[in-house]
C-alpha atoms as a PDB file:
ATOM      1  CA  MET A   1     -35.493 -19.334 -47.226  1.00  0.00           C
ATOM      2  CA  LYS A   2     -32.962 -17.012 -48.826  1.00  0.00           C
ATOM      3  CA  LEU A   3     -31.230 -14.419 -46.614  1.00  0.00           C
ATOM      4  CA  THR A   4     -30.551 -11.048 -48.099  1.00  0.00           C
ATOM      5  CA  PRO A   5     -27.139  -9.472 -47.444  1.00  0.00           C
ATOM      6  CA  GLY A   6     -28.796  -6.607 -45.518  1.00  0.00           C
ATOM      7  CA  PHE A   7     -30.645  -9.020 -43.212  1.00  0.00           C
ATOM      8  CA  ALA A   8     -27.453 -11.009 -42.589  1.00  0.00           C
ATOM      9  CA  ALA A   9     -25.524  -7.813 -41.759  1.00  0.00           C
ATOM     10  CA  ILE A  10     -28.252  -6.675 -39.346  1.00  0.00           C
ATOM     11  CA  SER A  11     -28.254 -10.111 -37.664  1.00  0.00           C
ATOM     12  CA  ILE A  12     -24.490 -10.021 -37.180  1.00  0.00           C
ATOM     13  CA  LEU A  13     -24.628  -6.443 -35.872  1.00  0.00           C
ATOM     14  CA  MET A  14     -27.397  -7.307 -33.386  1.00  0.00           C
ATOM     15  CA  GLY A  15     -25.410 -10.305 -32.159  1.00  0.00           C
ATOM     16  CA  MET A  16     -22.323  -8.154 -31.612  1.00  0.00           C
ATOM     17  CA  LEU A  17     -24.356  -5.529 -29.741  1.00  0.00           C
ATOM     18  CA  GLY A  18     -25.818  -8.268 -27.553  1.00  0.00           C
ATOM     19  CA  LEU A  19     -22.344  -9.541 -26.673  1.00  0.00           C
ATOM     20  CA  ALA A  20     -21.151  -6.004 -25.938  1.00  0.00           C
ATOM     21  CA  ALA A  21     -24.126  -5.438 -23.628  1.00  0.00           C
ATOM     22  CA  CYS A  22     -23.340  -8.669 -21.771  1.00  0.00           C
ATOM     23  CA  GLY A  23     -19.766  -7.524 -21.293  1.00  0.00           C
ATOM     24  CA  GLN A  24     -20.924  -4.216 -19.812  1.00  0.00           C
ATOM     25  CA  ASN A  25     -22.916  -6.045 -17.133  1.00  0.00           C
ATOM     26  CA  SER A  26     -19.681  -7.539 -15.860  1.00  0.00           C
ATOM     27  CA  ASN A  27     -18.411  -4.243 -14.409  1.00  0.00           C
ATOM     28  CA  GLN A  28     -18.507  -5.747 -10.949  1.00  0.00           C
ATOM     29  CA  VAL A  29     -15.448  -6.211  -8.779  1.00  0.00           C
ATOM     30  CA  VAL A  30     -15.382  -9.249  -6.487  1.00  0.00           C
ATOM     31  CA  TYR A  31     -13.127  -9.820  -3.471  1.00  0.00           C
ATOM     32  CA  GLN A  32     -13.077 -13.270  -1.873  1.00  0.00           C
ATOM     33  CA  TYR A  33     -11.235 -13.897   1.363  1.00  0.00           C
ATOM     34  CA  PRO A  34      -8.964 -16.839   2.239  1.00  0.00           C
ATOM     35  CA  GLU A  35      -9.727 -16.478   5.957  1.00  0.00           C
ATOM     36  CA  THR A  36     -13.394 -15.888   6.639  1.00  0.00           C
ATOM     37  CA  ALA A  37     -13.995 -16.546  10.347  1.00  0.00           C
ATOM     38  CA  VAL A  38     -14.911 -13.642  12.630  1.00  0.00           C
ATOM     39  CA  LEU A  39     -15.168 -13.975  16.428  1.00  0.00           C
ATOM     40  CA  PHE A  40     -15.272 -17.573  17.679  1.00  0.00           C
ATOM     41  CA  ASP A  41     -15.800 -19.045  14.200  1.00  0.00           C
ATOM     42  CA  ASN A  42     -19.575 -18.466  14.301  1.00  0.00           C
ATOM     43  CA  PHE A  43     -19.615 -15.580  11.819  1.00  0.00           C
ATOM     44  CA  HIS A  44     -17.979 -15.740   8.389  1.00  0.00           C
ATOM     45  CA  ILE A  45     -17.399 -12.994   5.829  1.00  0.00           C
ATOM     46  CA  LEU A  46     -17.287 -14.749   2.462  1.00  0.00           C
ATOM     47  CA  LYS A  47     -16.903 -12.085  -0.215  1.00  0.00           C
ATOM     48  CA  THR A  48     -17.697  -8.508  -1.207  1.00  0.00           C
ATOM     49  CA  VAL A  49     -19.063  -7.524  -4.607  1.00  0.00           C
ATOM     50  CA  TYR A  50     -18.928  -3.923  -5.826  1.00  0.00           C
ATOM     51  CA  THR A  51     -20.994  -2.565  -8.708  1.00  0.00           C
ATOM     52  CA  SER A  52     -21.926   0.985  -9.603  1.00  0.00           C
ATOM     53  CA  GLY A  53     -23.928   2.416  -6.691  1.00  0.00           C
ATOM     54  CA  GLU A  54     -24.086  -0.881  -4.812  1.00  0.00           C
ATOM     55  CA  MET A  55     -21.980  -3.043  -2.517  1.00  0.00           C
ATOM     56  CA  LYS A  56     -22.918  -6.560  -1.411  1.00  0.00           C
ATOM     57  CA  LEU A  57     -21.253  -8.270   1.536  1.00  0.00           C
ATOM     58  CA  TYR A  58     -21.869 -12.028   1.664  1.00  0.00           C
ATOM     59  CA  TYR A  59     -21.751 -13.652   5.101  1.00  0.00           C
ATOM     60  CA  ARG A  60     -23.007 -16.689   7.004  1.00  0.00           C
ATOM     61  CA  GLY A  61     -23.537 -17.796  10.575  1.00  0.00           C
ATOM     62  CA  MET A  62     -25.240 -14.729  12.053  1.00  0.00           C
ATOM     63  CA  ASN A  63     -28.675 -13.167  11.949  1.00  0.00           C
ATOM     64  CA  LEU A  64     -27.843  -9.504  11.384  1.00  0.00           C
ATOM     65  CA  ASP A  65     -31.369  -8.302  10.592  1.00  0.00           C
ATOM     66  CA  GLY A  66     -31.990  -4.963  12.273  1.00  0.00           C
ATOM     67  CA  CYS A  67     -28.328  -4.208  12.973  1.00  0.00           C
ATOM     68  CA  GLN A  68     -27.072  -0.661  12.526  1.00  0.00           C
ATOM     69  CA  ILE A  69     -24.118  -0.077  10.216  1.00  0.00           C
ATOM     70  CA  GLU A  70     -21.661   2.680   9.432  1.00  0.00           C
ATOM     71  CA  CYS A  71     -19.604   2.885   6.228  1.00  0.00           C
ATOM     72  CA  TYR A  72     -15.936   3.900   6.027  1.00  0.00           C
ATOM     73  CA  ASP A  73     -13.444   4.564   3.239  1.00  0.00           C
ATOM     74  CA  ALA A  74      -9.955   3.061   2.824  1.00  0.00           C
ATOM     75  CA  ASP A  75      -8.536   5.383   5.527  1.00  0.00           C
ATOM     76  CA  PHE A  76     -11.346   4.272   7.852  1.00  0.00           C
ATOM     77  CA  THR A  77     -12.913   7.731   7.720  1.00  0.00           C
ATOM     78  CA  LYS A  78     -16.689   7.664   8.014  1.00  0.00           C
ATOM     79  CA  LEU A  79     -18.392   8.189   4.663  1.00  0.00           C
ATOM     80  CA  SER A  80     -21.018  10.890   4.811  1.00  0.00           C
ATOM     81  CA  GLY A  81     -24.128  10.870   2.721  1.00  0.00           C
ATOM     82  CA  GLU A  82     -27.351   8.976   2.575  1.00  0.00           C
ATOM     83  CA  PHE A  83     -27.431   5.262   1.981  1.00  0.00           C
ATOM     84  CA  GLU A  84     -29.851   2.375   2.175  1.00  0.00           C
ATOM     85  CA  HIS A  85     -28.951  -1.006   3.558  1.00  0.00           C
ATOM     86  CA  MET A  86     -30.666  -4.310   4.120  1.00  0.00           C
ATOM     87  CA  PHE A  87     -29.727  -7.729   5.401  1.00  0.00           C
ATOM     88  CA  GLU A  88     -31.357 -10.579   3.516  1.00  0.00           C
ATOM     89  CA  ASP A  89     -30.439 -14.263   3.228  1.00  0.00           C
ATOM     90  CA  GLY A  90     -26.784 -13.798   4.175  1.00  0.00           C
ATOM     91  CA  VAL A  91     -26.227 -10.683   2.071  1.00  0.00           C
ATOM     92  CA  LEU A  92     -25.788  -7.118   3.296  1.00  0.00           C
ATOM     93  CA  THR A  93     -26.687  -4.792   0.428  1.00  0.00           C
ATOM     94  CA  ILE A  94     -25.648  -1.138   0.594  1.00  0.00           C
ATOM     95  CA  LYS A  95     -27.002   1.257  -2.012  1.00  0.00           C
ATOM     96  CA  ALA A  96     -25.326   4.668  -2.115  1.00  0.00           C
ATOM     97  CA  ASP A  97     -23.474   7.054  -4.392  1.00  0.00           C
ATOM     98  CA  PHE A  98     -20.320   6.155  -2.444  1.00  0.00           C
ATOM     99  CA  ALA A  99     -20.859   2.365  -2.475  1.00  0.00           C
ATOM    100  CA  GLU A 100     -17.686   1.661  -4.476  1.00  0.00           C
ATOM    101  CA  LYS A 101     -15.632   3.585  -1.878  1.00  0.00           C
ATOM    102  CA  VAL A 102     -16.760   1.455   1.074  1.00  0.00           C
ATOM    103  CA  SER A 103     -13.680  -0.275   2.459  1.00  0.00           C
ATOM    104  CA  GLY A 104     -14.774  -0.737   6.064  1.00  0.00           C
ATOM    105  CA  LEU A 105     -17.927  -1.257   8.099  1.00  0.00           C
ATOM    106  CA  THR A 106     -19.011  -1.245  11.690  1.00  0.00           C
ATOM    107  CA  ILE A 107     -21.997  -3.443  12.437  1.00  0.00           C
ATOM    108  CA  GLY A 108     -23.637  -2.860  15.814  1.00  0.00           C
ATOM    109  CA  ASP A 109     -25.298  -5.833  17.446  1.00  0.00           C
ATOM    110  CA  ARG A 110     -29.078  -5.445  17.391  1.00  0.00           C
ATOM    111  CA  ARG A 111     -29.436  -6.923  20.882  1.00  0.00           C
ATOM    112  CA  GLY A 112     -28.196  -3.778  22.582  1.00  0.00           C
ATOM    113  CA  ASP A 113     -24.671  -2.881  21.514  1.00  0.00           C
ATOM    114  CA  ASP A 114     -22.987  -5.733  23.374  1.00  0.00           C
ATOM    115  CA  THR A 115     -20.900  -6.499  20.260  1.00  0.00           C
ATOM    116  CA  ILE A 116     -19.636  -4.157  17.568  1.00  0.00           C
ATOM    117  CA  TYR A 117     -18.056  -5.825  14.531  1.00  0.00           C
ATOM    118  CA  CYS A 118     -15.409  -3.672  12.842  1.00  0.00           C
ATOM    119  CA  LEU A 119     -14.538  -4.856   9.330  1.00  0.00           C
ATOM    120  CA  ARG A 120     -11.715  -3.275   7.372  1.00  0.00           C
ATOM    121  CA  TYR A 121     -10.000  -3.721   3.981  1.00  0.00           C
ATOM    122  CA  LEU A 122     -13.096  -5.250   2.383  1.00  0.00           C
ATOM    123  CA  ASP A 123     -11.822  -3.882  -0.938  1.00  0.00           C
ATOM    124  CA  SER A 124      -8.810  -6.205  -0.915  1.00  0.00           C
ATOM    125  CA  SER A 125      -8.348  -9.947  -0.778  1.00  0.00           C
ATOM    126  CA  GLN A 126      -7.273  -9.896   2.879  1.00  0.00           C
ATOM    127  CA  PHE A 127      -9.839  -8.138   4.989  1.00  0.00           C
ATOM    128  CA  ALA A 128      -9.296  -7.734   8.729  1.00  0.00           C
ATOM    129  CA  TRP A 129     -11.698  -7.542  11.652  1.00  0.00           C
ATOM    130  CA  LEU A 130     -11.962  -6.586  15.287  1.00  0.00           C
ATOM    131  CA  ALA A 131     -14.907  -7.230  17.572  1.00  0.00           C
ATOM    132  CA  ASP A 132     -15.600  -5.008  20.553  1.00  0.00           C
ATOM    133  CA  THR A 133     -17.568  -7.201  22.938  1.00  0.00           C
ATOM    134  CA  PHE A 134     -19.101  -6.325  26.282  1.00  0.00           C
ATOM    135  CA  TRP A 135     -18.646  -8.984  28.987  1.00  0.00           C
ATOM    136  CA  TYR A 136     -20.758  -8.376  32.084  1.00  0.00           C
ATOM    137  CA  ASP A 137     -18.012  -9.614  34.418  1.00  0.00           C
ATOM    138  CA  TYR A 138     -15.180  -7.775  32.634  1.00  0.00           C
ATOM    139  CA  GLY A 139     -16.452  -4.843  30.572  1.00  0.00           C
ATOM    140  CA  TRP A 140     -15.476  -4.036  26.996  1.00  0.00           C
ATOM    141  CA  MET A 141     -12.873  -6.264  25.373  1.00  0.00           C
ATOM    142  CA  GLU A 142     -11.378  -5.901  21.906  1.00  0.00           C
ATOM    143  CA  LEU A 143     -10.915  -9.237  20.147  1.00  0.00           C
ATOM    144  CA  GLY A 144      -9.190  -9.906  16.844  1.00  0.00           C
ATOM    145  CA  ASP A 145      -5.845  -9.506  15.107  1.00  0.00           C
ATOM    146  CA  VAL A 146      -4.731  -5.962  15.985  1.00  0.00           C
ATOM    147  CA  GLU A 147      -1.565  -6.142  13.820  1.00  0.00           C
ATOM    148  CA  ARG A 148      -3.580  -7.098  10.787  1.00  0.00           C
ATOM    149  CA  TYR A 149      -6.393  -4.629  11.458  1.00  0.00           C
ATOM    150  CA  TYR A 150      -4.391  -1.450  12.079  1.00  0.00           C
ATOM    151  CA  SER A 151      -1.981   0.002   9.530  1.00  0.00           C
ATOM    152  CA  GLU A 152       1.740   0.197  10.318  1.00  0.00           C
ATOM    153  CA  GLU A 153       1.394   3.949  10.866  1.00  0.00           C
ATOM    154  CA  GLU A 154      -1.443   3.444  13.339  1.00  0.00           C
ATOM    155  CA  LEU A 155       0.581   0.860  15.234  1.00  0.00           C
ATOM    156  CA  GLU A 156       3.640   3.152  15.283  1.00  0.00           C
ATOM    157  CA  VAL A 157       1.726   5.981  16.946  1.00  0.00           C
ATOM    158  CA  GLY A 158       0.426   3.538  19.518  1.00  0.00           C
ATOM    159  CA  GLN A 159      -3.140   3.066  18.348  1.00  0.00           C
ATOM    160  CA  GLN A 160      -5.104   2.200  21.450  1.00  0.00           C
ATOM    161  CA  PRO A 161      -8.464   0.480  21.539  1.00  0.00           C
ATOM    162  CA  VAL A 162     -11.375   2.869  21.783  1.00  0.00           C
ATOM    163  CA  PRO A 163     -12.558   3.044  25.401  1.00  0.00           C
ATOM    164  CA  ALA A 164     -16.193   2.259  26.084  1.00  0.00           C
ATOM    165  CA  PRO A 165     -18.799   3.288  28.624  1.00  0.00           C
ATOM    166  CA  LYS A 166     -18.536   1.295  31.870  1.00  0.00           C
ATOM    167  CA  SER A 167     -21.752  -0.500  31.041  1.00  0.00           C
ATOM    168  CA  ALA A 168     -23.307  -1.402  27.726  1.00  0.00           C
ATOM    169  CA  ARG A 169     -26.450   0.247  29.057  1.00  0.00           C
ATOM    170  CA  GLU A 170     -24.704   3.486  30.161  1.00  0.00           C
ATOM    171  CA  SER A 171     -25.430   6.404  27.871  1.00  0.00           C
ATOM    172  CA  TRP A 172     -23.085   9.227  26.917  1.00  0.00           C
ATOM    173  CA  THR A 173     -23.400  12.434  24.939  1.00  0.00           C
ATOM    174  CA  CYS A 174     -21.146  12.983  21.950  1.00  0.00           C
ATOM    175  CA  SER A 175     -19.636  16.379  21.127  1.00  0.00           C
ATOM    176  CA  CYS A 176     -22.129  16.541  18.230  1.00  0.00           C
ATOM    177  CA  GLY A 177     -24.962  16.390  20.791  1.00  0.00           C
ATOM    178  CA  ALA A 178     -26.231  12.861  20.076  1.00  0.00           C
ATOM    179  CA  GLU A 179     -27.070  10.480  22.941  1.00  0.00           C
ATOM    180  CA  ASN A 180     -25.375   7.073  22.607  1.00  0.00           C
ATOM    181  CA  ARG A 181     -24.933   3.737  24.407  1.00  0.00           C
ATOM    182  CA  GLY A 182     -22.238   1.960  22.386  1.00  0.00           C
ATOM    183  CA  LYS A 183     -18.585   2.689  21.692  1.00  0.00           C
ATOM    184  CA  PHE A 184     -19.282   4.892  18.669  1.00  0.00           C
ATOM    185  CA  CYS A 185     -21.639   7.818  18.083  1.00  0.00           C
ATOM    186  CA  THR A 186     -24.598   6.802  15.943  1.00  0.00           C
ATOM    187  CA  GLU A 187     -24.725  10.260  14.324  1.00  0.00           C
ATOM    188  CA  CYS A 188     -21.128  11.217  13.536  1.00  0.00           C
ATOM    189  CA  GLY A 189     -19.170   7.977  14.137  1.00  0.00           C
ATOM    190  CA  ARG A 190     -16.822   9.465  16.748  1.00  0.00           C
ATOM    191  CA  PRO A 191     -15.635   7.008  19.405  1.00  0.00           C
ATOM    192  CA  PHE A 192     -16.629   7.288  23.054  1.00  0.00           C
ATOM    193  CA  GLN A 193     -14.116   9.427  24.949  1.00  0.00           C
ATOM    194  CA  SER A 194     -13.140   8.216  28.394  1.00  0.00           C
ATOM    195  CA  LEU A 195     -12.801  10.461  31.418  1.00  0.00           C
ATOM    196  CA  ARG A 196      -9.074  10.608  30.602  1.00  0.00           C
ATOM    197  CA  GLY A 197      -9.952  12.881  27.688  1.00  0.00           C
ATOM    198  CA  GLU A 198      -9.241  12.654  23.998  1.00  0.00           C
ATOM    199  CA  LEU A 199      -7.170   9.753  22.708  1.00  0.00           C
END
């Protein structure tokens, strides 16, 4: 079969367009972490993948189905706006207009706010974590590497752990009017304020 020059040119052009389209699908940014263990080595954060309008956090070791999350930017300021999230087969998928800006997360334990996982710097190769855990014989305890989690500026001003209600079951009312049981407001993200007043 004899190929005409026009057919050959169209074939080459189509092949180049196909390669260009494949290259455009690779607009994802992937961060993998050298240290993955979170809280007693039973929960591991493996990597985060960002694409337009979507963030995927890969993890293993925990069943996070039904957990509540909050999204934060690089300054750990709560991101406002609507988003969808789901936990499935070791992947937390967040779909939102601000998905590429997500640098930190809080994940509230679905069993009743007895553990709150705070993940930070997900958009770098060295993420950090803290876990606020409620111990019935002790109360709230913050576990993790504080020096790695907080910025130098936060450490200089004496960043203190967020106080918590005396009991994981004790409720409190935020200044925005929402009723809460954990260390952070489920509506606005503000931390619980102790009887000592504002931090």
